[in-house]
């Protein structure tokens, strides 16, 4: 069984400013800093944040489901402002998913605004179909909203 879900958020910031976060390891750092109840820690296991990098994402103690996942950056396109990451260990794979991909796209609307689209694509074994409920964009949406709010506050000095 295959599936896909997405979330979009309009942000009153230039696309390039947001891509400066999303296209780098800074996204993982900010996620831990701004949302410690969603992501407890990240560890770069391999690479410098470019394509091929491996990052271990550890969830807070007591979180439902797996305690961590390791993700691999499979596509970082600075021109399209697109980042794709696949889970290679733990996380959703421990719940019967055959594959699980996160995608972030920063889409320029005007010179001073953009849309951040976060999405997931997955494939799940039929015998674990009940676990599809775990496949949500909630954590991605929380990260996008927190990072956007942080950058807007930083820009306005709030």
Protein backbone atom coordinates (compact mmCIF):
# COMPACT_ATOMS: atom_id res chain seq x y z
CA UNK A 1 0.00 0.00 0.00
CA UNK A 2 1.36 3.40 -1.00
CA UNK A 3 0.41 6.80 0.30
CA UNK A 4 1.30 10.48 0.31
CA UNK A 5 0.32 13.47 2.44
CA UNK A 6 1.33 17.12 2.43
CA UNK A 7 1.10 20.38 4.34
CA UNK A 8 1.60 23.93 3.06
CA UNK A 9 2.34 27.13 4.91
CA UNK A 10 2.54 30.62 3.41
CA UNK A 11 5.37 32.65 4.95
CA UNK A 12 6.04 36.37 4.68
CA UNK A 13 9.76 35.86 4.09
CA UNK A 14 11.86 35.57 0.94
CA UNK A 15 12.21 32.01 -0.36
CA UNK A 16 16.00 32.24 -0.35
CA UNK A 17 16.04 33.09 3.34
CA UNK A 18 14.04 29.99 4.22
CA UNK A 19 16.01 27.79 1.82
CA UNK A 20 19.15 28.88 3.69
CA UNK A 21 17.73 26.86 6.58
CA UNK A 22 15.94 24.00 4.78
CA UNK A 23 18.81 23.24 2.43
CA UNK A 24 21.30 22.78 5.28
CA UNK A 25 21.81 21.01 8.60
CA UNK A 26 20.55 24.17 10.30
CA UNK A 27 16.99 22.81 9.93
CA UNK A 28 17.79 19.87 12.23
CA UNK A 29 19.50 22.17 14.75
CA UNK A 30 16.55 24.55 14.83
CA UNK A 31 14.06 21.69 15.15
CA UNK A 32 15.81 20.52 18.34
CA UNK A 33 16.16 24.07 19.65
CA UNK A 34 12.57 25.16 18.95
CA UNK A 35 10.69 21.86 19.42
CA UNK A 36 12.45 19.72 22.05
CA UNK A 37 9.14 17.94 22.72
CA UNK A 38 9.14 16.71 19.08
CA UNK A 39 12.87 16.07 18.49
CA UNK A 40 15.22 15.55 21.43
CA UNK A 41 18.48 15.48 19.50
CA UNK A 42 20.06 15.04 16.10
CA UNK A 43 23.46 13.52 15.36
CA UNK A 44 25.23 13.81 12.01
CA UNK A 45 26.56 10.30 11.44
CA UNK A 46 28.04 10.95 8.01
CA UNK A 47 28.49 13.89 5.66
CA UNK A 48 28.34 17.67 5.87
CA UNK A 49 24.64 18.19 5.19
CA UNK A 50 24.84 17.59 1.45
CA UNK A 51 23.41 14.74 -0.58
CA UNK A 52 24.34 11.41 1.00
CA UNK A 53 24.53 12.75 4.56
CA UNK A 54 23.16 10.54 7.33
CA UNK A 55 21.47 12.09 10.36
CA UNK A 56 20.12 10.23 13.40
CA UNK A 57 16.99 11.87 14.81
CA UNK A 58 16.19 10.97 18.42
CA UNK A 59 12.68 11.47 19.78
CA UNK A 60 12.00 12.56 23.38
CA UNK A 61 11.74 9.85 26.04
CA UNK A 62 8.16 8.67 26.41
CA UNK A 63 7.18 9.49 22.82
CA UNK A 64 4.85 6.89 21.27
CA UNK A 65 6.43 4.61 18.67
CA UNK A 66 10.10 4.15 17.85
CA UNK A 67 12.75 6.09 19.79
CA UNK A 68 14.74 7.26 16.75
CA UNK A 69 15.23 7.13 13.00
CA UNK A 70 18.23 7.59 10.74
CA UNK A 71 17.65 9.58 7.59
CA UNK A 72 19.66 9.98 4.41
CA UNK A 73 19.62 13.17 2.35
CA UNK A 74 18.95 11.85 -1.15
CA UNK A 75 18.27 15.10 -3.00
CA UNK A 76 19.16 18.70 -2.30
CA UNK A 77 18.38 20.98 -5.23
CA UNK A 78 19.34 24.59 -4.55
CA UNK A 79 17.82 25.81 -7.81
CA UNK A 80 14.42 24.19 -7.19
CA UNK A 81 14.74 24.69 -3.40
CA UNK A 82 13.84 21.04 -2.85
CA UNK A 83 15.15 18.59 -0.24
CA UNK A 84 14.29 14.89 -0.07
CA UNK A 85 15.20 12.64 2.81
CA UNK A 86 14.55 8.91 3.22
CA UNK A 87 14.41 6.94 6.44
CA UNK A 88 17.07 4.22 6.28
CA UNK A 89 16.83 2.84 9.81
CA UNK A 90 14.36 2.84 12.70
CA UNK A 91 11.36 5.11 12.82
CA UNK A 92 8.59 4.22 10.42
CA UNK A 93 10.56 1.25 9.09
CA UNK A 94 10.19 -0.35 12.53
CA UNK A 95 6.42 -0.03 12.15
CA UNK A 96 6.24 -2.06 8.94
CA UNK A 97 6.79 0.68 6.37
CA UNK A 98 8.91 -0.48 3.41
CA UNK A 99 9.91 3.08 2.58
CA UNK A 100 9.35 6.53 4.00
CA UNK A 101 10.36 9.82 2.36
CA UNK A 102 10.19 13.40 3.66
CA UNK A 103 10.20 16.29 1.19
CA UNK A 104 10.56 20.01 1.79
CA UNK A 105 9.92 22.51 -1.01
CA UNK A 106 10.30 26.26 -0.69
CA UNK A 107 8.19 27.86 -3.42
CA UNK A 108 8.73 31.55 -4.17
CA UNK A 109 5.52 33.58 -4.46
CA UNK A 110 6.88 37.12 -4.50
CA UNK A 111 10.26 38.59 -3.65
CA UNK A 112 9.19 38.79 -0.02
CA UNK A 113 6.97 35.73 0.45
CA UNK A 114 6.92 32.02 -0.22
CA UNK A 115 5.12 28.78 0.51
CA UNK A 116 6.80 25.91 2.34
CA UNK A 117 5.37 22.58 1.27
CA UNK A 118 6.28 19.61 3.43
CA UNK A 119 5.19 16.17 2.33
CA UNK A 120 5.64 12.48 2.97
CA UNK A 121 5.50 9.50 0.65
CA UNK A 122 5.48 5.96 1.93
CA UNK A 123 4.95 2.32 1.16
CA UNK A 124 3.52 0.04 3.82
CA UNK A 125 3.14 -3.74 4.03
CA UNK A 126 -0.52 -4.83 4.01
CA UNK A 127 -0.03 -6.77 7.24
CA UNK A 128 0.84 -3.47 8.97
CA UNK A 129 -1.93 -1.42 7.36
CA UNK A 130 -3.22 -0.27 10.77
CA UNK A 131 0.08 1.60 11.27
CA UNK A 132 -0.76 3.96 8.40
CA UNK A 133 -2.26 6.22 11.07
CA UNK A 134 1.33 7.02 12.13
CA UNK A 135 2.04 8.46 8.68
CA UNK A 136 1.21 12.12 9.24
CA UNK A 137 2.77 15.46 8.39
CA UNK A 138 2.12 16.73 11.93
CA UNK A 139 5.79 16.81 12.98
CA UNK A 140 6.86 18.35 9.67
CA UNK A 141 4.13 20.97 9.94
CA UNK A 142 5.20 21.79 13.50
CA UNK A 143 8.81 22.21 12.36
CA UNK A 144 7.83 24.41 9.40
CA UNK A 145 5.61 26.58 11.58
CA UNK A 146 8.20 26.91 14.39
CA UNK A 147 11.08 27.72 12.03
CA UNK A 148 8.98 30.26 10.12
CA UNK A 149 7.83 31.94 13.34
CA UNK A 150 11.42 32.00 14.65
CA UNK A 151 12.75 33.64 11.47
CA UNK A 152 9.91 36.18 11.37
CA UNK A 153 10.49 37.11 15.03
CA UNK A 154 14.23 37.37 14.41
CA UNK A 155 13.60 39.65 11.42
CA UNK A 156 11.17 41.95 13.25
CA UNK A 157 13.06 41.87 16.54
CA UNK A 158 9.98 40.56 18.39
